[in-house]
Amino acid sequence: MSQWHVTQGDNQFAVDGGLGALEAMARRGGLGPGDMIQPPGTSDWMYASEVPELKQIFDARYDDDDDNRGSNAAMLAVGGVVAAVLLGILVIGGGISVYLMSQMSGGTAALVGEGGLSYSEMIVTAAGAGLRAEPSEKASVLTTVTKDDTLQLLAKRGGFYKARTRGGAEGWIAIDQVIPLYQLGGAEVREEFDPLYNPDRYVEVANARWMQLPADHPTAGKFLSNRTIFEFMMSNSSRYPMTDLRLVATIKDAQGHELEKVEIPIEGMIPGSGSTMVGTLAAEEAGRKRKPDAPPPRVLTTATFEEMAASDPELQMRWTGGVEVEMKTAEFSAAQIDVVELRAVPDAVASKSVSR
């Protein structure tokens, strides 16, 4: 059965049995409307009272005067971060700061901690967690982190966040071992800042097409065989620019069997609420044949290349649309491009820390 995760005070645990198990907990009083839950397969946290099936149970447990409990519960505890909503007190790692928590559900003010916390940060909720060298549970741990530590979000890849500690250490941590600060806000706050933590939901590959280069193609040369040109557009539906993009090209045979995957790093930005093509900027070279020791070409978003070319028009002579990818497989019947990693760039609101 699918697992839900529940955070109650300093305790975070998984619940087997799906939504039915949570409903049973709520009926017997083991789950409150102010507890936070994470649905299976997502990085989102929400109040238990925001799940319609659970809200019905909570409403039946309280008198009419208490129907508005849920997101205005007197105490909200996440990991070691205890937010006293009605009193406006935030406790982080033993330090106490006062802030107007009662307005969080509808506003964009950042949380206040020791030195300030922002919506582009997250708090470690799991004991014994660590930052890993790769986004995999099998990867080596580069540095351990302590429960209640604050991490800066750097990127997302699958079920992992790339993060940086306040001491400067970087690595990958599973999304169920942290809670993004924006999850402590209401529905409007979560909608506004969700692209920071789930950028892959907002960027799509559109109008993709591909063409295999013949062996005697003049741009291939003797060093570049089995080349395929991929052309596509990146579309971003969020207001945040996206960068640090990594795509994967997958090719298949006529029966749909996967033959090969190649990862493609892309430089530059995808504009917020916009789209861009992707192209290749060749290195400076004489003639059309690439020298063996020449620098590799740069794969860029068109949006970023146009900014570069505005101050150096000669770059246009070395620019071509699309991306050339060298595959080991000589022939294939189908190909696709997918997003595997990227980062949303926080704006001033998301990065702001509010002091007392």
Protein backbone atom coordinates (compact mmCIF):
# COMPACT_ATOMS: atom_id res chain seq x y z
CA MET A 1 0.00 0.00 0.00
CA SER A 2 1.05 3.59 -0.50
CA GLN A 3 2.73 5.31 2.41
CA TRP A 4 1.72 8.67 3.81
CA HIS A 5 4.08 10.55 6.11
CA VAL A 6 2.86 12.33 9.23
CA THR A 7 4.63 14.95 11.36
CA GLN A 8 3.44 15.38 14.95
CA GLY A 9 5.63 17.49 17.20
CA ASP A 10 9.17 16.12 17.04
CA ASN A 11 7.93 12.83 15.63
CA GLN A 12 7.74 12.01 11.91
CA PHE A 13 6.55 8.60 10.76
CA ALA A 14 5.16 6.69 7.80
CA VAL A 15 1.64 5.25 7.71
CA ASP A 16 0.95 2.09 5.73
CA GLY A 17 -2.50 1.36 4.39
CA GLY A 18 -3.18 4.50 2.40
CA LEU A 19 -5.82 7.10 3.13
CA GLY A 20 -7.98 4.55 4.92
CA ALA A 21 -5.33 4.14 7.63
CA LEU A 22 -5.21 7.92 8.14
CA GLU A 23 -8.99 8.06 8.42
CA ALA A 24 -8.86 5.38 11.10
CA MET A 25 -6.22 7.37 13.01
CA ALA A 26 -8.36 10.50 12.83
CA ARG A 27 -11.48 8.69 14.12
CA ARG A 28 -9.67 7.34 17.16
CA GLY A 29 -8.03 10.70 17.92
CA GLY A 30 -4.53 9.74 16.83
CA LEU A 31 -4.45 12.40 14.10
CA GLY A 32 -5.32 16.06 14.58
CA PRO A 33 -6.38 18.73 12.07
CA GLY A 34 -3.16 20.69 12.72
CA ASP A 35 -0.87 17.71 12.07
CA MET A 36 1.04 17.83 8.81
CA ILE A 37 0.90 15.03 6.26
CA GLN A 38 2.74 14.25 3.04
CA PRO A 39 0.82 12.26 0.37
CA PRO A 40 2.60 9.33 -1.31
CA GLY A 41 4.97 10.21 -4.14
CA THR A 42 5.01 13.98 -3.52
CA SER A 43 7.18 16.50 -1.72
CA ASP A 44 4.16 18.52 -0.59
CA TRP A 45 3.14 18.81 3.05
CA MET A 46 -0.33 19.92 4.05
CA TYR A 47 -2.49 20.19 7.12
CA ALA A 48 -4.53 17.07 7.78
CA SER A 49 -7.65 19.24 7.77
CA GLU A 50 -7.01 20.08 4.09
CA VAL A 51 -7.77 16.50 3.02
CA PRO A 52 -11.55 16.42 2.42
CA GLU A 53 -12.00 12.90 3.79
CA LEU A 54 -10.15 13.80 7.00
CA LYS A 55 -11.82 17.19 7.36
CA GLN A 56 -15.23 15.48 7.53
CA ILE A 57 -14.00 13.40 10.45
CA PHE A 58 -12.54 16.42 12.28
CA ASP A 59 -15.73 18.42 11.75
CA ALA A 60 -17.75 15.63 13.29
CA ARG A 61 -15.45 15.55 16.32
CA TYR A 62 -15.81 19.23 17.16
CA ASP A 63 -18.75 21.47 17.94
CA ASP A 64 -19.77 24.15 15.46
CA ASP A 65 -17.68 26.71 17.35
CA ASP A 66 -14.61 24.59 16.72
CA ASP A 67 -15.13 24.01 12.98
CA ASN A 68 -12.35 26.43 12.10
CA ARG A 69 -9.61 24.50 13.88
CA GLY A 70 -7.47 22.80 11.15
CA SER A 71 -4.95 25.30 9.79
CA ASN A 72 -5.44 27.61 12.83
CA ALA A 73 -4.55 24.94 15.37
CA ALA A 74 -3.02 26.41 18.51
CA MET A 75 0.29 24.62 18.10
CA LEU A 76 2.01 23.48 14.91
CA ALA A 77 5.13 21.39 15.37
CA VAL A 78 7.36 20.36 12.48
CA GLY A 79 10.61 18.62 13.41
CA GLY A 80 12.17 20.89 16.02
CA VAL A 81 10.38 23.94 14.61
CA VAL A 82 7.42 24.63 16.89
CA ALA A 83 5.15 27.40 15.66
CA ALA A 84 2.75 28.68 18.29
CA VAL A 85 0.22 30.10 15.86
CA LEU A 86 -2.07 31.91 18.25
CA LEU A 87 0.78 33.24 20.38
CA GLY A 88 2.99 34.13 17.41
CA ILE A 89 6.08 32.38 18.78
CA LEU A 90 8.54 30.43 16.65
CA VAL A 91 11.03 28.14 18.36
CA ILE A 92 14.00 27.03 16.25
CA GLY A 93 16.79 25.03 17.82
CA GLY A 94 16.06 26.54 21.24
CA GLY A 95 16.01 30.15 20.01
CA ILE A 96 12.72 32.06 20.25
CA SER A 97 11.63 34.79 17.85
CA VAL A 98 8.28 36.56 17.69
CA TYR A 99 6.44 37.01 14.41
CA LEU A 100 2.90 37.44 13.10
CA MET A 101 2.07 33.84 12.33
CA SER A 102 -1.66 34.55 12.16
CA GLN A 103 -1.13 36.23 8.76
CA MET A 104 0.96 33.47 7.21
CA SER A 105 -1.92 31.70 5.53
CA GLY A 106 -2.59 34.57 3.14
CA GLY A 107 0.67 36.47 2.83
CA THR A 108 4.22 36.11 1.58
CA ALA A 109 6.17 37.22 4.68
CA ALA A 110 9.12 34.99 5.45
CA LEU A 111 9.52 33.08 8.68
CA VAL A 112 11.70 34.47 11.42
CA GLY A 113 14.37 32.39 13.05
CA GLU A 114 17.83 32.91 14.46
CA GLY A 115 19.17 35.19 11.71
CA GLY A 116 15.96 34.77 9.69
CA LEU A 117 14.47 32.01 7.57
CA SER A 118 13.05 32.34 4.08
CA TYR A 119 10.71 30.35 1.87
CA SER A 120 13.69 29.26 -0.23
CA GLU A 121 15.03 27.29 2.73
CA MET A 122 14.07 24.00 4.33
CA ILE A 123 14.49 22.27 7.67
CA VAL A 124 15.83 18.76 8.24
CA THR A 125 13.14 16.63 9.90
CA ALA A 126 14.85 13.22 9.94
CA ALA A 127 17.44 12.13 12.47
CA GLY A 128 20.63 10.66 11.00
CA ALA A 129 20.18 12.30 7.58
CA GLY A 130 23.09 13.29 5.39
CA LEU A 131 23.98 15.09 2.17
CA ARG A 132 24.95 12.51 -0.44
CA ALA A 133 27.32 12.70 -3.39
CA GLU A 134 24.58 11.71 -5.84
CA PRO A 135 20.76 11.76 -5.79
CA SER A 136 20.56 8.13 -4.67
CA GLU A 137 20.16 6.31 -1.37
CA LYS A 138 23.14 4.18 -2.40
CA ALA A 139 25.44 7.19 -2.84
CA SER A 140 28.07 7.97 -0.24
CA VAL A 141 27.32 10.55 2.47
CA LEU A 142 29.47 13.66 2.09
CA THR A 143 28.40 15.29 5.33
CA THR A 144 25.87 14.50 8.03
CA VAL A 145 23.17 16.97 9.00
CA THR A 146 21.32 17.27 12.27
CA LYS A 147 17.60 17.28 12.75
CA ASP A 148 16.36 20.93 12.73
CA ASP A 149 19.33 22.10 10.60
CA THR A 150 18.44 24.71 7.98
CA LEU A 151 19.40 23.99 4.36
CA GLN A 152 19.39 26.21 1.29
CA LEU A 153 17.64 24.69 -1.72
CA LEU A 154 19.82 24.39 -4.84
CA ALA A 155 18.03 22.06 -7.26
CA LYS A 156 15.70 19.09 -7.57
CA ARG A 157 16.28 15.74 -9.25
CA GLY A 158 13.68 13.01 -8.89
CA GLY A 159 13.06 12.36 -5.21
CA PHE A 160 16.05 14.40 -4.01
CA TYR A 161 16.90 18.02 -3.36
CA LYS A 162 20.37 19.39 -3.88
CA ALA A 163 21.07 21.50 -0.80
CA ARG A 164 23.71 23.60 0.91
CA THR A 165 24.31 23.86 4.64
CA ARG A 166 25.00 27.20 6.28
CA GLY A 167 28.59 26.04 6.53
CA GLY A 168 28.82 25.71 2.74
CA ALA A 169 28.69 21.91 2.36
CA GLU A 170 26.63 20.70 -0.62
CA GLY A 171 24.98 17.41 -1.49
CA TRP A 172 21.70 15.60 -2.12
CA ILE A 173 19.02 14.82 0.46
CA ALA A 174 15.79 12.84 0.05
CA ILE A 175 12.69 15.04 -0.13
CA ASP A 176 11.01 13.14 2.71
CA GLN A 177 13.86 14.06 5.09
CA VAL A 178 13.16 17.79 4.97
CA ILE A 179 10.23 20.16 5.05
CA PRO A 180 10.25 23.30 2.89
CA LEU A 181 9.44 26.42 4.90
CA TYR A 182 6.68 27.44 2.51
CA GLN A 183 4.69 24.39 3.61
CA LEU A 184 3.99 26.18 6.89
CA GLY A 185 1.93 28.76 5.02
CA GLY A 186 -1.61 28.56 3.73
CA ALA A 187 -2.87 27.57 0.29
CA GLU A 188 -1.85 30.86 -1.36
CA VAL A 189 1.68 30.64 0.02
CA ARG A 190 2.09 27.02 -1.07
CA GLU A 191 0.84 27.83 -4.57
CA GLU A 192 3.21 30.79 -4.89
CA PHE A 193 6.36 29.01 -3.74
CA ASP A 194 5.73 25.45 -4.91
CA PRO A 195 7.79 25.98 -8.13
CA LEU A 196 10.91 26.49 -6.01
CA TYR A 197 10.69 22.95 -4.66
CA ASN A 198 8.95 21.22 -7.55
CA PRO A 199 10.30 22.97 -10.66
CA ASP A 200 9.88 19.82 -12.74
CA ARG A 201 6.10 20.29 -12.50
CA TYR A 202 6.30 23.61 -14.31
CA VAL A 203 8.82 23.01 -17.14
CA GLU A 204 7.93 20.96 -20.19
CA VAL A 205 9.70 19.88 -23.35
CA ALA A 206 7.56 20.89 -26.33
CA ASN A 207 7.69 20.47 -30.11
CA ALA A 208 10.53 17.95 -29.88
CA ARG A 209 11.95 16.43 -33.07
CA TRP A 210 15.14 14.62 -33.99
CA MET A 211 17.26 13.77 -37.01
CA GLN A 212 20.19 11.38 -37.34
CA LEU A 213 23.19 12.76 -39.21
CA PRO A 214 24.60 10.63 -42.02
CA ALA A 215 28.14 9.35 -41.56
CA ASP A 216 29.43 11.68 -44.29
CA HIS A 217 27.81 14.80 -42.87
CA PRO A 218 30.29 17.74 -43.22
CA THR A 219 29.92 18.78 -39.57
CA ALA A 220 30.63 15.31 -38.22
CA GLY A 221 34.25 14.73 -39.18
CA LYS A 222 36.08 11.55 -38.24
CA PHE A 223 35.74 12.23 -34.51
CA LEU A 224 31.96 12.62 -34.36
CA SER A 225 30.02 9.53 -35.38
CA ASN A 226 26.45 8.45 -34.62
CA ARG A 227 25.36 12.05 -34.17
CA THR A 228 21.71 12.95 -33.68
CA ILE A 229 20.32 16.48 -33.73
CA PHE A 230 17.53 17.14 -31.23
CA GLU A 231 15.42 20.26 -31.60
CA PHE A 232 12.89 21.25 -28.95
CA MET A 233 11.39 24.10 -26.94
CA MET A 234 11.44 24.49 -23.15
CA SER A 235 8.23 25.94 -21.71
CA ASN A 236 8.05 27.37 -18.17
CA SER A 237 4.62 28.00 -16.65
CA SER A 238 5.92 29.39 -13.33
CA ARG A 239 6.92 32.98 -12.60
CA TYR A 240 10.43 31.90 -11.57
CA PRO A 241 13.24 31.68 -14.15
CA MET A 242 14.67 28.14 -14.38
CA THR A 243 18.33 27.22 -14.74
CA ASP A 244 20.88 24.42 -14.11
CA LEU A 245 18.86 22.30 -16.50
CA ARG A 246 19.79 18.71 -17.29
CA LEU A 247 17.88 16.69 -19.85
CA VAL A 248 18.10 13.06 -20.86
CA ALA A 249 17.76 11.80 -24.43
CA THR A 250 16.28 8.29 -24.65
CA ILE A 251 16.28 6.26 -27.86
CA LYS A 252 14.27 3.12 -28.59
CA ASP A 253 13.97 0.50 -31.27
CA ALA A 254 10.89 -0.21 -33.38
CA GLN A 255 9.45 -2.48 -30.66
CA GLY A 256 9.72 0.28 -28.05
CA HIS A 257 12.67 -1.26 -26.22
CA GLU A 258 15.04 1.26 -24.67
CA LEU A 259 18.45 1.21 -26.32
CA GLU A 260 20.36 4.06 -24.74
CA LYS A 261 20.16 7.18 -22.59
CA VAL A 262 22.42 10.22 -22.74
CA GLU A 263 22.29 13.12 -20.30
CA ILE A 264 22.50 16.64 -21.71
CA PRO A 265 23.46 19.62 -19.52
CA ILE A 266 21.98 22.95 -20.68
CA GLU A 267 23.45 26.33 -19.79
CA GLY A 268 21.39 29.46 -19.33
CA MET A 269 17.89 30.44 -18.29
CA ILE A 270 14.33 29.54 -19.19
CA PRO A 271 12.41 32.79 -18.61
CA GLY A 272 9.64 32.87 -16.03
CA SER A 273 6.19 32.44 -17.61
CA GLY A 274 7.88 31.99 -20.99
CA SER A 275 9.60 29.61 -23.35
CA THR A 276 12.87 29.24 -25.22
CA MET A 277 14.50 27.03 -27.80
CA VAL A 278 17.86 25.37 -27.21
CA GLY A 279 20.90 25.61 -29.48
CA THR A 280 24.64 25.05 -29.75
CA LEU A 281 27.44 27.60 -29.72
CA ALA A 282 30.49 26.15 -31.46
CA ALA A 283 33.99 26.92 -30.25
CA GLU A 284 36.13 29.35 -32.24
CA GLU A 285 37.68 27.32 -35.04
CA ALA A 286 38.98 27.64 -38.57
CA GLY A 287 36.67 26.21 -41.20
CA ARG A 288 33.82 23.81 -40.56
CA LYS A 289 35.84 20.82 -39.39
CA ARG A 290 36.30 20.63 -35.65
CA LYS A 291 39.83 20.18 -34.38
CA PRO A 292 40.43 17.27 -31.98
CA ASP A 293 41.79 19.60 -29.29
CA ALA A 294 39.16 22.31 -29.74
CA PRO A 295 36.98 23.23 -26.73
CA PRO A 296 33.63 21.45 -26.72
CA PRO A 297 30.61 23.34 -28.00
CA ARG A 298 28.30 24.97 -25.47
CA VAL A 299 24.63 24.01 -25.30
CA LEU A 300 22.57 27.05 -24.35
CA THR A 301 19.01 28.21 -24.11
CA THR A 302 18.22 30.62 -26.94
CA ALA A 303 17.11 33.20 -24.40
CA THR A 304 20.57 33.28 -22.82
CA PHE A 305 22.38 33.17 -26.17
CA GLU A 306 20.45 36.20 -27.42
CA GLU A 307 21.60 38.16 -24.39
CA MET A 308 25.21 37.18 -25.15
CA ALA A 309 24.89 37.98 -28.87
CA ALA A 310 23.47 41.43 -28.14
CA SER A 311 26.95 42.57 -27.09
CA ASP A 312 28.87 40.29 -29.48
CA PRO A 313 26.98 39.87 -32.80
CA GLU A 314 29.79 37.70 -34.23
CA LEU A 315 28.58 34.86 -32.02
CA GLN A 316 25.73 34.40 -34.51
CA MET A 317 28.26 32.90 -36.95
CA ARG A 318 28.91 30.03 -34.54
CA TRP A 319 25.32 29.44 -33.43
CA THR A 320 23.07 26.62 -34.65
CA GLY A 321 19.63 25.61 -33.49
CA GLY A 322 19.25 22.27 -31.77
CA VAL A 323 21.62 20.00 -29.88
CA GLU A 324 23.94 17.43 -31.40
CA VAL A 325 24.20 14.31 -29.24
CA GLU A 326 26.61 11.46 -29.85
CA MET A 327 24.94 8.11 -29.28
CA LYS A 328 26.63 4.70 -29.14
CA THR A 329 23.73 3.16 -31.05
CA ALA A 330 24.00 3.63 -34.80
CA GLU A 331 20.33 3.23 -35.69
CA PHE A 332 17.10 3.62 -33.75
CA SER A 333 13.41 4.22 -34.43
CA ALA A 334 12.18 6.53 -31.67
CA ALA A 335 13.63 9.20 -29.41
CA GLN A 336 12.44 11.50 -26.65
CA ILE A 337 13.76 14.28 -24.41
CA ASP A 338 12.88 14.52 -20.71
CA VAL A 339 13.77 16.89 -17.88
CA VAL A 340 15.72 15.19 -15.07
CA GLU A 341 17.15 18.09 -13.08
CA LEU A 342 16.70 21.86 -12.78
CA ARG A 343 16.56 24.79 -10.38
CA ALA A 344 14.11 27.62 -9.95
CA VAL A 345 15.73 30.99 -9.21
CA PRO A 346 14.15 32.55 -6.09
CA ASP A 347 13.06 36.17 -6.38
CA ALA A 348 13.39 38.85 -3.70
CA VAL A 349 10.22 37.75 -1.94
CA ALA A 350 11.20 34.10 -1.75
CA SER A 351 14.71 34.93 -0.53
CA LYS A 352 13.74 37.58 1.98
CA SER A 353 14.40 37.00 5.68
CA VAL A 354 12.40 39.06 8.13
CA SER A 355 14.05 40.15 11.37
CA ARG A 356 12.45 40.97 14.64
